[in-house]
C-alpha atoms as a PDB file:
ATOM      1  CA  UNK A   1      70.354 -36.178 -55.317  1.00  0.00           C
ATOM      2  CA  UNK A   2      72.663 -33.370 -56.324  1.00  0.00           C
ATOM      3  CA  UNK A   3      73.610 -31.441 -53.213  1.00  0.00           C
ATOM      4  CA  UNK A   4      76.569 -29.200 -52.703  1.00  0.00           C
ATOM      5  CA  UNK A   5      77.920 -28.637 -49.256  1.00  0.00           C
ATOM      6  CA  UNK A   6      79.855 -25.455 -48.839  1.00  0.00           C
ATOM      7  CA  UNK A   7      83.279 -26.366 -47.438  1.00  0.00           C
ATOM      8  CA  UNK A   8      84.175 -24.888 -44.088  1.00  0.00           C
ATOM      9  CA  UNK A   9      86.630 -22.041 -44.142  1.00  0.00           C
ATOM     10  CA  UNK A  10      89.989 -23.059 -42.685  1.00  0.00           C
ATOM     11  CA  UNK A  11      92.401 -20.635 -41.077  1.00  0.00           C
ATOM     12  CA  UNK A  12      96.165 -21.094 -40.604  1.00  0.00           C
ATOM     13  CA  UNK A  13      97.089 -22.200 -37.106  1.00  0.00           C
ATOM     14  CA  UNK A  14      99.815 -20.141 -35.457  1.00  0.00           C
ATOM     15  CA  UNK A  15     100.016 -17.653 -38.351  1.00  0.00           C
ATOM     16  CA  UNK A  16     100.164 -14.644 -36.038  1.00  0.00           C
ATOM     17  CA  UNK A  17     103.024 -16.115 -34.008  1.00  0.00           C
ATOM     18  CA  UNK A  18     104.966 -17.124 -37.131  1.00  0.00           C
ATOM     19  CA  UNK A  19     104.527 -13.734 -38.753  1.00  0.00           C
ATOM     20  CA  UNK A  20     105.528 -11.981 -35.548  1.00  0.00           C
ATOM     21  CA  UNK A  21     108.649 -14.140 -35.288  1.00  0.00           C
ATOM     22  CA  UNK A  22     109.588 -13.388 -38.896  1.00  0.00           C
ATOM     23  CA  UNK A  23     109.110  -9.626 -38.461  1.00  0.00           C
ATOM     24  CA  UNK A  24     111.179  -9.379 -35.290  1.00  0.00           C
ATOM     25  CA  UNK A  25     113.754 -11.831 -36.628  1.00  0.00           C
ATOM     26  CA  UNK A  26     114.307  -9.824 -39.795  1.00  0.00           C
ATOM     27  CA  UNK A  27     114.384  -6.598 -37.832  1.00  0.00           C
ATOM     28  CA  UNK A  28     116.984  -8.023 -35.450  1.00  0.00           C
ATOM     29  CA  UNK A  29     119.102  -9.308 -38.352  1.00  0.00           C
ATOM     30  CA  UNK A  30     119.010  -5.971 -40.178  1.00  0.00           C
ATOM     31  CA  UNK A  31     119.844  -3.993 -37.035  1.00  0.00           C
ATOM     32  CA  UNK A  32     122.654  -6.397 -36.144  1.00  0.00           C
ATOM     33  CA  UNK A  33     124.197  -6.228 -39.614  1.00  0.00           C
ATOM     34  CA  UNK A  34     124.078  -2.436 -39.867  1.00  0.00           C
ATOM     35  CA  UNK A  35     125.473  -2.075 -36.341  1.00  0.00           C
ATOM     36  CA  UNK A  36     128.419  -4.354 -37.196  1.00  0.00           C
ATOM     37  CA  UNK A  37     128.989  -2.340 -40.340  1.00  0.00           C
ATOM     38  CA  UNK A  38     128.963   0.825 -38.277  1.00  0.00           C
ATOM     39  CA  UNK A  39     131.426  -0.587 -35.740  1.00  0.00           C
ATOM     40  CA  UNK A  40     133.950  -1.466 -38.479  1.00  0.00           C
ATOM     41  CA  UNK A  41     133.410   1.870 -40.253  1.00  0.00           C
ATOM     42  CA  UNK A  42     131.907   0.152 -43.267  1.00  0.00           C
ATOM     43  CA  UNK A  43     128.817   2.358 -43.024  1.00  0.00           C
ATOM     44  CA  UNK A  44     128.617   5.918 -41.646  1.00  0.00           C
ATOM     45  CA  UNK A  45     126.752   6.626 -38.381  1.00  0.00           C
ATOM     46  CA  UNK A  46     123.950   8.486 -40.163  1.00  0.00           C
ATOM     47  CA  UNK A  47     123.308   5.471 -42.403  1.00  0.00           C
ATOM     48  CA  UNK A  48     123.245   3.153 -39.382  1.00  0.00           C
ATOM     49  CA  UNK A  49     120.666   5.350 -37.606  1.00  0.00           C
ATOM     50  CA  UNK A  50     118.587   5.653 -40.800  1.00  0.00           C
ATOM     51  CA  UNK A  51     118.539   1.888 -41.311  1.00  0.00           C
ATOM     52  CA  UNK A  52     117.532   1.285 -37.674  1.00  0.00           C
ATOM     53  CA  UNK A  53     114.681   3.816 -37.930  1.00  0.00           C
ATOM     54  CA  UNK A  54     113.503   2.410 -41.280  1.00  0.00           C
ATOM     55  CA  UNK A  55     113.512  -1.214 -40.049  1.00  0.00           C
ATOM     56  CA  UNK A  56     111.625  -0.185 -36.897  1.00  0.00           C
ATOM     57  CA  UNK A  57     108.957   1.597 -38.953  1.00  0.00           C
ATOM     58  CA  UNK A  58     108.630  -1.368 -41.316  1.00  0.00           C
ATOM     59  CA  UNK A  59     108.284  -3.760 -38.357  1.00  0.00           C
ATOM     60  CA  UNK A  60     105.626  -1.544 -36.814  1.00  0.00           C
ATOM     61  CA  UNK A  61     103.679  -1.404 -40.101  1.00  0.00           C
ATOM     62  CA  UNK A  62     103.941  -5.177 -40.490  1.00  0.00           C
ATOM     63  CA  UNK A  63     102.586  -5.720 -36.964  1.00  0.00           C
ATOM     64  CA  UNK A  64      99.786  -3.255 -37.646  1.00  0.00           C
ATOM     65  CA  UNK A  65      98.806  -5.354 -40.652  1.00  0.00           C
ATOM     66  CA  UNK A  66      98.846  -8.525 -38.566  1.00  0.00           C
ATOM     67  CA  UNK A  67      96.748  -6.857 -35.853  1.00  0.00           C
ATOM     68  CA  UNK A  68      94.138  -5.586 -38.331  1.00  0.00           C
ATOM     69  CA  UNK A  69      91.717  -8.591 -37.972  1.00  0.00           C
ATOM     70  CA  UNK A  70      91.744  -8.236 -34.183  1.00  0.00           C
ATOM     71  CA  UNK A  71      91.095  -4.493 -34.456  1.00  0.00           C
ATOM     72  CA  UNK A  72      88.226  -5.065 -36.907  1.00  0.00           C
ATOM     73  CA  UNK A  73      86.686  -7.648 -34.555  1.00  0.00           C
ATOM     74  CA  UNK A  74      86.993  -5.228 -31.640  1.00  0.00           C
ATOM     75  CA  UNK A  75      85.190  -2.516 -33.623  1.00  0.00           C
ATOM     76  CA  UNK A  76      82.342  -4.936 -34.409  1.00  0.00           C
ATOM     77  CA  UNK A  77      81.961  -5.869 -30.743  1.00  0.00           C
ATOM     78  CA  UNK A  78      82.154  -2.212 -29.666  1.00  0.00           C
ATOM     79  CA  UNK A  79      79.345  -1.299 -32.071  1.00  0.00           C
ATOM     80  CA  UNK A  80      77.179  -4.232 -31.004  1.00  0.00           C
ATOM     81  CA  UNK A  81      73.536  -3.347 -30.302  1.00  0.00           C
ATOM     82  CA  UNK A  82      72.112  -5.864 -27.833  1.00  0.00           C
ATOM     83  CA  UNK A  83      68.554  -4.636 -28.476  1.00  0.00           C
ATOM     84  CA  UNK A  84      68.772  -5.271 -32.235  1.00  0.00           C
ATOM     85  CA  UNK A  85      71.569  -7.800 -32.575  1.00  0.00           C
ATOM     86  CA  UNK A  86      72.897  -8.931 -35.948  1.00  0.00           C
ATOM     87  CA  UNK A  87      74.863 -12.170 -35.440  1.00  0.00           C
ATOM     88  CA  UNK A  88      75.858 -12.249 -39.127  1.00  0.00           C
ATOM     89  CA  UNK A  89      78.262  -9.394 -38.419  1.00  0.00           C
ATOM     90  CA  UNK A  90      80.422 -11.831 -36.431  1.00  0.00           C
ATOM     91  CA  UNK A  91      80.338 -14.775 -38.821  1.00  0.00           C
ATOM     92  CA  UNK A  92      83.848 -16.301 -39.194  1.00  0.00           C
ATOM     93  CA  UNK A  93      83.276 -16.595 -42.951  1.00  0.00           C
ATOM     94  CA  UNK A  94      83.551 -12.810 -43.199  1.00  0.00           C
ATOM     95  CA  UNK A  95      87.160 -12.911 -42.019  1.00  0.00           C
ATOM     96  CA  UNK A  96      90.112 -13.001 -44.355  1.00  0.00           C
ATOM     97  CA  UNK A  97      91.507 -16.440 -45.155  1.00  0.00           C
ATOM     98  CA  UNK A  98      94.875 -15.269 -43.825  1.00  0.00           C
ATOM     99  CA  UNK A  99      93.422 -14.594 -40.369  1.00  0.00           C
ATOM    100  CA  UNK A 100      95.038 -16.509 -37.539  1.00  0.00           C
ATOM    101  CA  UNK A 101      93.095 -19.512 -36.259  1.00  0.00           C
ATOM    102  CA  UNK A 102      92.996 -18.074 -32.717  1.00  0.00           C
ATOM    103  CA  UNK A 103      91.313 -14.898 -33.952  1.00  0.00           C
ATOM    104  CA  UNK A 104      88.893 -16.992 -36.024  1.00  0.00           C
ATOM    105  CA  UNK A 105      88.131 -19.107 -32.948  1.00  0.00           C
ATOM    106  CA  UNK A 106      87.382 -15.926 -30.981  1.00  0.00           C
ATOM    107  CA  UNK A 107      85.086 -14.696 -33.773  1.00  0.00           C
ATOM    108  CA  UNK A 108      83.349 -18.094 -33.857  1.00  0.00           C
ATOM    109  CA  UNK A 109      82.719 -17.970 -30.107  1.00  0.00           C
ATOM    110  CA  UNK A 110      81.392 -14.411 -30.305  1.00  0.00           C
ATOM    111  CA  UNK A 111      79.122 -15.393 -33.197  1.00  0.00           C
ATOM    112  CA  UNK A 112      77.655 -18.271 -31.169  1.00  0.00           C
ATOM    113  CA  UNK A 113      77.176 -16.001 -28.168  1.00  0.00           C
ATOM    114  CA  UNK A 114      75.544 -13.306 -30.315  1.00  0.00           C
ATOM    115  CA  UNK A 115      73.216 -15.893 -31.852  1.00  0.00           C
ATOM    116  CA  UNK A 116      72.128 -17.026 -28.392  1.00  0.00           C
ATOM    117  CA  UNK A 117      71.578 -13.428 -27.239  1.00  0.00           C
ATOM    118  CA  UNK A 118      69.441 -12.751 -30.319  1.00  0.00           C
ATOM    119  CA  UNK A 119      67.436 -15.900 -29.584  1.00  0.00           C
ATOM    120  CA  UNK A 120      66.948 -14.890 -25.949  1.00  0.00           C
ATOM    121  CA  UNK A 121      65.745 -11.429 -26.977  1.00  0.00           C
ATOM    122  CA  UNK A 122      63.302 -12.897 -29.464  1.00  0.00           C
ATOM    123  CA  UNK A 123      61.941 -15.403 -26.939  1.00  0.00           C
ATOM    124  CA  UNK A 124      61.623 -12.632 -24.348  1.00  0.00           C
ATOM    125  CA  UNK A 125      59.562 -10.506 -26.720  1.00  0.00           C
ATOM    126  CA  UNK A 126      57.425 -13.475 -27.764  1.00  0.00           C
ATOM    127  CA  UNK A 127      56.816 -14.547 -24.173  1.00  0.00           C
ATOM    128  CA  UNK A 128      55.967 -11.115 -22.824  1.00  0.00           C
ATOM    129  CA  UNK A 129      53.692 -10.383 -25.801  1.00  0.00           C
ATOM    130  CA  UNK A 130      51.894 -13.736 -25.718  1.00  0.00           C
ATOM    131  CA  UNK A 131      51.679 -13.931 -21.934  1.00  0.00           C
ATOM    132  CA  UNK A 132      50.438 -10.365 -21.710  1.00  0.00           C
ATOM    133  CA  UNK A 133      47.582 -11.102 -24.107  1.00  0.00           C
ATOM    134  CA  UNK A 134      46.839 -14.790 -23.572  1.00  0.00           C
ATOM    135  CA  UNK A 135      46.854 -14.586 -19.771  1.00  0.00           C
ATOM    136  CA  UNK A 136      45.350 -11.172 -19.150  1.00  0.00           C
ATOM    137  CA  UNK A 137      42.396 -11.693 -21.493  1.00  0.00           C
ATOM    138  CA  UNK A 138      41.077 -14.848 -19.753  1.00  0.00           C
ATOM    139  CA  UNK A 139      41.662 -13.258 -16.345  1.00  0.00           C
ATOM    140  CA  UNK A 140      39.595 -10.251 -17.397  1.00  0.00           C
ATOM    141  CA  UNK A 141      36.767 -12.528 -18.551  1.00  0.00           C
ATOM    142  CA  UNK A 142      36.882 -14.479 -15.276  1.00  0.00           C
ATOM    143  CA  UNK A 143      36.769 -11.269 -13.224  1.00  0.00           C
ATOM    144  CA  UNK A 144      33.763  -9.967 -15.161  1.00  0.00           C
ATOM    145  CA  UNK A 145      31.966 -13.300 -14.837  1.00  0.00           C
ATOM    146  CA  UNK A 146      32.664 -13.476 -11.108  1.00  0.00           C
ATOM    147  CA  UNK A 147      31.339  -9.939 -10.606  1.00  0.00           C
ATOM    148  CA  UNK A 148      28.151 -10.946 -12.408  1.00  0.00           C
ATOM    149  CA  UNK A 149      27.792 -14.064 -10.247  1.00  0.00           C
ATOM    150  CA  UNK A 150      28.241 -12.021  -7.076  1.00  0.00           C
ATOM    151  CA  UNK A 151      25.184  -9.924  -8.019  1.00  0.00           C
ATOM    152  CA  UNK A 152      23.183 -13.024  -8.960  1.00  0.00           C
ATOM    153  CA  UNK A 153      20.094 -13.486  -6.793  1.00  0.00           C
ATOM    154  CA  UNK A 154      19.300 -16.819  -5.190  1.00  0.00           C
ATOM    155  CA  UNK A 155      22.889 -18.045  -5.037  1.00  0.00           C
ATOM    156  CA  UNK A 156      23.523 -20.387  -2.101  1.00  0.00           C
ATOM    157  CA  UNK A 157      25.943 -19.664   0.727  1.00  0.00           C
ATOM    158  CA  UNK A 158      28.274 -22.391  -0.548  1.00  0.00           C
ATOM    159  CA  UNK A 159      28.148 -20.890  -4.032  1.00  0.00           C
ATOM    160  CA  UNK A 160      28.832 -17.427  -2.632  1.00  0.00           C
ATOM    161  CA  UNK A 161      31.927 -18.707  -0.808  1.00  0.00           C
ATOM    162  CA  UNK A 162      33.097 -20.430  -3.979  1.00  0.00           C
ATOM    163  CA  UNK A 163      32.653 -17.239  -5.993  1.00  0.00           C
ATOM    164  CA  UNK A 164      34.681 -15.284  -3.435  1.00  0.00           C
ATOM    165  CA  UNK A 165      37.458 -17.871  -3.588  1.00  0.00           C
ATOM    166  CA  UNK A 166      37.484 -17.684  -7.381  1.00  0.00           C
ATOM    167  CA  UNK A 167      37.650 -13.885  -7.242  1.00  0.00           C
ATOM    168  CA  UNK A 168      40.484 -14.004  -4.710  1.00  0.00           C
ATOM    169  CA  UNK A 169      42.446 -16.500  -6.794  1.00  0.00           C
ATOM    170  CA  UNK A 170      41.879 -14.423  -9.940  1.00  0.00           C
ATOM    171  CA  UNK A 171      43.217 -11.271  -8.298  1.00  0.00           C
ATOM    172  CA  UNK A 172      46.232 -13.170  -6.979  1.00  0.00           C
ATOM    173  CA  UNK A 173      46.865 -14.627 -10.417  1.00  0.00           C
ATOM    174  CA  UNK A 174      46.612 -11.185 -11.989  1.00  0.00           C
ATOM    175  CA  UNK A 175      49.200  -9.776  -9.576  1.00  0.00           C
ATOM    176  CA  UNK A 176      51.462 -12.771 -10.177  1.00  0.00           C
ATOM    177  CA  UNK A 177      51.277 -12.323 -13.958  1.00  0.00           C
ATOM    178  CA  UNK A 178      52.234  -8.658 -13.599  1.00  0.00           C
ATOM    179  CA  UNK A 179      55.200  -9.574 -11.401  1.00  0.00           C
ATOM    180  CA  UNK A 180      56.455 -12.281 -13.758  1.00  0.00           C
ATOM    181  CA  UNK A 181      56.083 -10.045 -16.803  1.00  0.00           C
ATOM    182  CA  UNK A 182      58.099  -7.310 -15.118  1.00  0.00           C
ATOM    183  CA  UNK A 183      60.867  -9.764 -14.242  1.00  0.00           C
ATOM    184  CA  UNK A 184      60.784 -11.401 -17.681  1.00  0.00           C
ATOM    185  CA  UNK A 185      61.550  -8.152 -19.477  1.00  0.00           C
ATOM    186  CA  UNK A 186      65.255  -7.423 -19.598  1.00  0.00           C
ATOM    187  CA  UNK A 187      64.587  -3.726 -20.077  1.00  0.00           C
ATOM    188  CA  UNK A 188      61.445  -1.629 -20.143  1.00  0.00           C
ATOM    189  CA  UNK A 189      61.113   1.641 -22.005  1.00  0.00           C
ATOM    190  CA  UNK A 190      59.807   4.403 -19.761  1.00  0.00           C
ATOM    191  CA  UNK A 191      60.298   2.686 -16.402  1.00  0.00           C
ATOM    192  CA  UNK A 192      62.025   5.803 -15.047  1.00  0.00           C
ATOM    193  CA  UNK A 193      59.829   8.418 -16.707  1.00  0.00           C
ATOM    194  CA  UNK A 194      57.014   8.325 -14.145  1.00  0.00           C
ATOM    195  CA  UNK A 195      56.828  10.209 -10.896  1.00  0.00           C
ATOM    196  CA  UNK A 196      54.345   8.944  -8.315  1.00  0.00           C
ATOM    197  CA  UNK A 197      53.530   9.464  -4.649  1.00  0.00           C
ATOM    198  CA  UNK A 198      54.129   6.314  -2.641  1.00  0.00           C
ATOM    199  CA  UNK A 199      51.233   6.891  -0.239  1.00  0.00           C
ATOM    200  CA  UNK A 200      48.659   7.165  -3.030  1.00  0.00           C
ATOM    201  CA  UNK A 201      49.807   3.949  -4.694  1.00  0.00           C
ATOM    202  CA  UNK A 202      49.696   2.121  -1.357  1.00  0.00           C
ATOM    203  CA  UNK A 203      46.103   3.233  -0.717  1.00  0.00           C
ATOM    204  CA  UNK A 204      45.006   1.800  -4.052  1.00  0.00           C
ATOM    205  CA  UNK A 205      46.941  -1.395  -3.361  1.00  0.00           C
ATOM    206  CA  UNK A 206      45.300  -1.817   0.026  1.00  0.00           C
ATOM    207  CA  UNK A 207      41.842  -1.493  -1.519  1.00  0.00           C
ATOM    208  CA  UNK A 208      42.623  -4.404  -3.821  1.00  0.00           C
ATOM    209  CA  UNK A 209      44.187  -6.389  -0.969  1.00  0.00           C
ATOM    210  CA  UNK A 210      41.095  -5.986   1.221  1.00  0.00           C
ATOM    211  CA  UNK A 211      39.040  -7.666  -1.485  1.00  0.00           C
ATOM    212  CA  UNK A 212      41.253 -10.714  -1.134  1.00  0.00           C
ATOM    213  CA  UNK A 213      40.822 -10.769   2.638  1.00  0.00           C
ATOM    214  CA  UNK A 214      37.028 -10.828   2.651  1.00  0.00           C
ATOM    215  CA  UNK A 215      35.986 -13.482   5.146  1.00  0.00           C
ATOM    216  CA  UNK A 216      39.404 -13.650   6.826  1.00  0.00           C
ATOM    217  CA  UNK A 217      40.044 -12.093  10.278  1.00  0.00           C
ATOM    218  CA  UNK A 218      42.940  -9.959   9.072  1.00  0.00           C
ATOM    219  CA  UNK A 219      42.951  -6.175   9.261  1.00  0.00           C
ATOM    220  CA  UNK A 220      45.046  -4.039   6.929  1.00  0.00           C
ATOM    221  CA  UNK A 221      46.297  -0.738   8.302  1.00  0.00           C
ATOM    222  CA  UNK A 222      48.210   2.066   6.627  1.00  0.00           C
ATOM    223  CA  UNK A 223      50.314   4.310   8.846  1.00  0.00           C
ATOM    224  CA  UNK A 224      51.702   7.457   7.209  1.00  0.00           C
ATOM    225  CA  UNK A 225      54.164   9.334   9.413  1.00  0.00           C
ATOM    226  CA  UNK A 226      55.764  10.560   6.187  1.00  0.00           C
ATOM    227  CA  UNK A 227      54.961  11.180   2.546  1.00  0.00           C
ATOM    228  CA  UNK A 228      57.403  10.942  -0.331  1.00  0.00           C
ATOM    229  CA  UNK A 229      57.487  10.353  -4.061  1.00  0.00           C
ATOM    230  CA  UNK A 230      59.625   8.197  -6.332  1.00  0.00           C
ATOM    231  CA  UNK A 231      60.943   8.480  -9.844  1.00  0.00           C
ATOM    232  CA  UNK A 232      60.286   5.144 -11.508  1.00  0.00           C
ATOM    233  CA  UNK A 233      57.393   2.828 -12.257  1.00  0.00           C
ATOM    234  CA  UNK A 234      54.324   2.834 -10.032  1.00  0.00           C
ATOM    235  CA  UNK A 235      53.418  -0.592 -11.432  1.00  0.00           C
ATOM    236  CA  UNK A 236      56.722  -2.090 -10.308  1.00  0.00           C
ATOM    237  CA  UNK A 237      56.369  -0.474  -6.883  1.00  0.00           C
ATOM    238  CA  UNK A 238      52.791  -1.734  -6.612  1.00  0.00           C
ATOM    239  CA  UNK A 239      53.765  -5.311  -7.482  1.00  0.00           C
ATOM    240  CA  UNK A 240      56.651  -5.239  -5.001  1.00  0.00           C
ATOM    241  CA  UNK A 241      54.476  -3.996  -2.145  1.00  0.00           C
ATOM    242  CA  UNK A 242      51.711  -6.443  -3.025  1.00  0.00           C
ATOM    243  CA  UNK A 243      54.100  -9.386  -2.780  1.00  0.00           C
ATOM    244  CA  UNK A 244      55.162  -8.248   0.693  1.00  0.00           C
ATOM    245  CA  UNK A 245      51.561  -7.677   1.808  1.00  0.00           C
ATOM    246  CA  UNK A 246      50.547 -11.080   0.484  1.00  0.00           C
ATOM    247  CA  UNK A 247      53.449 -12.742   2.300  1.00  0.00           C
ATOM    248  CA  UNK A 248      52.519 -10.982   5.544  1.00  0.00           C
ATOM    249  CA  UNK A 249      48.914 -12.172   5.196  1.00  0.00           C
ATOM    250  CA  UNK A 250      50.155 -15.713   4.592  1.00  0.00           C
ATOM    251  CA  UNK A 251      52.097 -15.567   7.854  1.00  0.00           C
ATOM    252  CA  UNK A 252      49.130 -14.739  10.054  1.00  0.00           C
ATOM    253  CA  UNK A 253      45.631 -16.177  10.001  1.00  0.00           C
ATOM    254  CA  UNK A 254      44.241 -13.689  12.513  1.00  0.00           C
ATOM    255  CA  UNK A 255      45.599 -10.271  13.398  1.00  0.00           C
ATOM    256  CA  UNK A 256      46.860  -7.132  11.677  1.00  0.00           C
ATOM    257  CA  UNK A 257      49.105  -6.333   8.752  1.00  0.00           C
ATOM    258  CA  UNK A 258      50.540  -2.829   9.092  1.00  0.00           C
ATOM    259  CA  UNK A 259      52.077  -0.906   6.198  1.00  0.00           C
ATOM    260  CA  UNK A 260      54.143   2.028   7.431  1.00  0.00           C
ATOM    261  CA  UNK A 261      55.502   4.872   5.308  1.00  0.00           C
ATOM    262  CA  UNK A 262      58.652   6.473   6.718  1.00  0.00           C
ATOM    263  CA  UNK A 263      61.056   8.910   5.009  1.00  0.00           C
ATOM    264  CA  UNK A 264      62.492   6.861   2.157  1.00  0.00           C
ATOM    265  CA  UNK A 265      61.273   3.576   3.667  1.00  0.00           C
ATOM    266  CA  UNK A 266      58.149   1.406   3.386  1.00  0.00           C
ATOM    267  CA  UNK A 267      57.738  -1.394   5.920  1.00  0.00           C
ATOM    268  CA  UNK A 268      55.222  -4.237   6.021  1.00  0.00           C
ATOM    269  CA  UNK A 269      54.752  -6.088   9.312  1.00  0.00           C
ATOM    270  CA  UNK A 270      52.298  -8.708  10.543  1.00  0.00           C
ATOM    271  CA  UNK A 271      50.960  -8.706  14.100  1.00  0.00           C
ATOM    272  CA  UNK A 272      49.244 -11.920  15.151  1.00  0.00           C
ATOM    273  CA  UNK A 273      46.333 -11.810  17.576  1.00  0.00           C
ATOM    274  CA  UNK A 274      47.759 -12.592  21.039  1.00  0.00           C
ATOM    275  CA  UNK A 275      44.445 -14.231  21.997  1.00  0.00           C
ATOM    276  CA  UNK A 276      45.051 -17.065  19.509  1.00  0.00           C
ATOM    277  CA  UNK A 277      45.903 -20.327  21.319  1.00  0.00           C
ATOM    278  CA  UNK A 278      49.508 -21.520  21.246  1.00  0.00           C
ATOM    279  CA  UNK A 279      48.718 -24.750  19.401  1.00  0.00           C
ATOM    280  CA  UNK A 280      46.849 -22.853  16.703  1.00  0.00           C
ATOM    281  CA  UNK A 281      49.742 -20.405  16.411  1.00  0.00           C
ATOM    282  CA  UNK A 282      52.118 -23.275  15.790  1.00  0.00           C
ATOM    283  CA  UNK A 283      49.876 -24.631  13.061  1.00  0.00           C
ATOM    284  CA  UNK A 284      49.739 -21.158  11.499  1.00  0.00           C
ATOM    285  CA  UNK A 285      53.522 -20.929  11.383  1.00  0.00           C
ATOM    286  CA  UNK A 286      53.728 -24.359   9.845  1.00  0.00           C
ATOM    287  CA  UNK A 287      51.089 -23.378   7.301  1.00  0.00           C
ATOM    288  CA  UNK A 288      52.248 -19.990   6.186  1.00  0.00           C
ATOM    289  CA  UNK A 289      55.167 -18.390   8.016  1.00  0.00           C
ATOM    290  CA  UNK A 290      57.949 -18.999   5.522  1.00  0.00           C
ATOM    291  CA  UNK A 291      60.696 -16.379   5.278  1.00  0.00           C
ATOM    292  CA  UNK A 292      61.714 -17.812   1.934  1.00  0.00           C
ATOM    293  CA  UNK A 293      58.283 -18.126   0.343  1.00  0.00           C
ATOM    294  CA  UNK A 294      57.433 -17.536  -3.288  1.00  0.00           C
ATOM    295  CA  UNK A 295      56.197 -14.003  -2.610  1.00  0.00           C
ATOM    296  CA  UNK A 296      59.454 -13.019  -0.937  1.00  0.00           C
ATOM    297  CA  UNK A 297      61.453 -14.583  -3.758  1.00  0.00           C
ATOM    298  CA  UNK A 298      59.671 -12.398  -6.313  1.00  0.00           C
ATOM    299  CA  UNK A 299      59.985  -9.338  -4.049  1.00  0.00           C
ATOM    300  CA  UNK A 300      63.717  -9.961  -3.655  1.00  0.00           C
ATOM    301  CA  UNK A 301      64.203 -10.254  -7.417  1.00  0.00           C
ATOM    302  CA  UNK A 302      62.327  -6.981  -8.016  1.00  0.00           C
ATOM    303  CA  UNK A 303      64.357  -5.354  -5.250  1.00  0.00           C
ATOM    304  CA  UNK A 304      67.635  -6.452  -6.834  1.00  0.00           C
ATOM    305  CA  UNK A 305      66.455  -5.487 -10.307  1.00  0.00           C
ATOM    306  CA  UNK A 306      65.545  -1.889  -9.433  1.00  0.00           C
ATOM    307  CA  UNK A 307      68.121  -1.298  -6.637  1.00  0.00           C
ATOM    308  CA  UNK A 308      65.532  -0.944  -3.880  1.00  0.00           C
ATOM    309  CA  UNK A 309      67.155  -2.772  -0.925  1.00  0.00           C
ATOM    310  CA  UNK A 310      64.867  -5.217   0.878  1.00  0.00           C
ATOM    311  CA  UNK A 311      65.492  -6.072   4.543  1.00  0.00           C
ATOM    312  CA  UNK A 312      63.780  -8.894   6.441  1.00  0.00           C
ATOM    313  CA  UNK A 313      63.550  -9.027  10.208  1.00  0.00           C
ATOM    314  CA  UNK A 314      61.877 -11.477  12.606  1.00  0.00           C
ATOM    315  CA  UNK A 315      60.802 -10.509  16.105  1.00  0.00           C
ATOM    316  CA  UNK A 316      59.246 -12.412  18.966  1.00  0.00           C
ATOM    317  CA  UNK A 317      55.541 -13.036  18.912  1.00  0.00           C
ATOM    318  CA  UNK A 318      55.339 -14.179  15.280  1.00  0.00           C
ATOM    319  CA  UNK A 319      56.080 -10.656  14.038  1.00  0.00           C
ATOM    320  CA  UNK A 320      57.916 -10.425  10.732  1.00  0.00           C
ATOM    321  CA  UNK A 321      58.962  -7.096   9.234  1.00  0.00           C
ATOM    322  CA  UNK A 322      59.954  -6.412   5.629  1.00  0.00           C
ATOM    323  CA  UNK A 323      61.495  -3.015   4.857  1.00  0.00           C
ATOM    324  CA  UNK A 324      62.092  -1.505   1.435  1.00  0.00           C
ATOM    325  CA  UNK A 325      64.592   1.327   1.318  1.00  0.00           C
ATOM    326  CA  UNK A 326      64.551   3.807  -1.554  1.00  0.00           C
ATOM    327  CA  UNK A 327      67.928   5.527  -2.072  1.00  0.00           C
ATOM    328  CA  UNK A 328      66.517   8.557  -3.898  1.00  0.00           C
ATOM    329  CA  UNK A 329      63.163   9.631  -2.405  1.00  0.00           C
ATOM    330  CA  UNK A 330      61.548  12.853  -3.578  1.00  0.00           C
ATOM    331  CA  UNK A 331      59.268  15.268  -1.718  1.00  0.00           C
ATOM    332  CA  UNK A 332      55.640  14.471  -2.440  1.00  0.00           C
ATOM    333  CA  UNK A 333      54.836  18.095  -3.333  1.00  0.00           C
ATOM    334  CA  UNK A 334      57.671  18.697  -5.819  1.00  0.00           C
ATOM    335  CA  UNK A 335      56.226  19.655  -9.230  1.00  0.00           C
ATOM    336  CA  UNK A 336      57.026  17.466 -12.215  1.00  0.00           C
ATOM    337  CA  UNK A 337      58.919  20.241 -14.027  1.00  0.00           C
ATOM    338  CA  UNK A 338      61.448  20.587 -11.237  1.00  0.00           C
ATOM    339  CA  UNK A 339      61.962  16.803 -11.145  1.00  0.00           C
ATOM    340  CA  UNK A 340      62.790  16.774 -14.861  1.00  0.00           C
ATOM    341  CA  UNK A 341      65.257  19.627 -14.448  1.00  0.00           C
END
């Protein structure tokens, strides 16, 4: 088998330090000699100054030449596009053979890092594209099938309960997929180009949430002492609020979940029914009241991602409050043209 392996490019170790030592050594020797000649009147003062200036300029030019590979590498890194990376730009083989080994080692590390970033970007695009299609399509089919089964005549009570559980699980899975897809994308085009009224999005979200609570003694209430709008993504806001509503519903088996809209703040609190026996309340807390549940973990990640601070507070009587603060709320009635300006 005739195979040729391309030999690895080797770079001189310590070349930059040696060249620097030679440049400054020669400069020092030249300046010392001409100064001695000037002291003993062998050379005139003007010649001494001229030689010192010339040797300084030559030393500076020599150091500029030695620094050229580092400057070229810095320009490549400065022009790096993380959305469309090209790791071949940082391949060590593209460097001059006279490049110092330390600079080549830096280029090799940057090339490996750039290759990993390009791989991460590609996997992110593949995952979000495949998950968006391969998960949403079956969920849509399941939802349509469940809706058809709900209208089916002659279905038993046990079958009806099973269909409702399937529908509830499908809606929860759909919301979870949306949340994970949002978090999986490093950047989304157009996330800040939408203006929406918070109250309207919450009403739509509560309609979907009530479908999940069919058969459970939990009441959802929306209190609106204020109205405001946001500049961002209504989908991200919807997913964030849904995770908090879902967590509040998990923390109470019987009672109320109140969503309150205040100026620049949305709070979600659960109020357990005081008529529930103490023993049952303890079992509820053991079953669902987890401040560090999966829903809150996703909500916290979305909060950190989009700079919407999330505050958690626990009060007596099994009441837990989650507040989302929005640093830049907008009046609900402001026209879109004035927001753009």
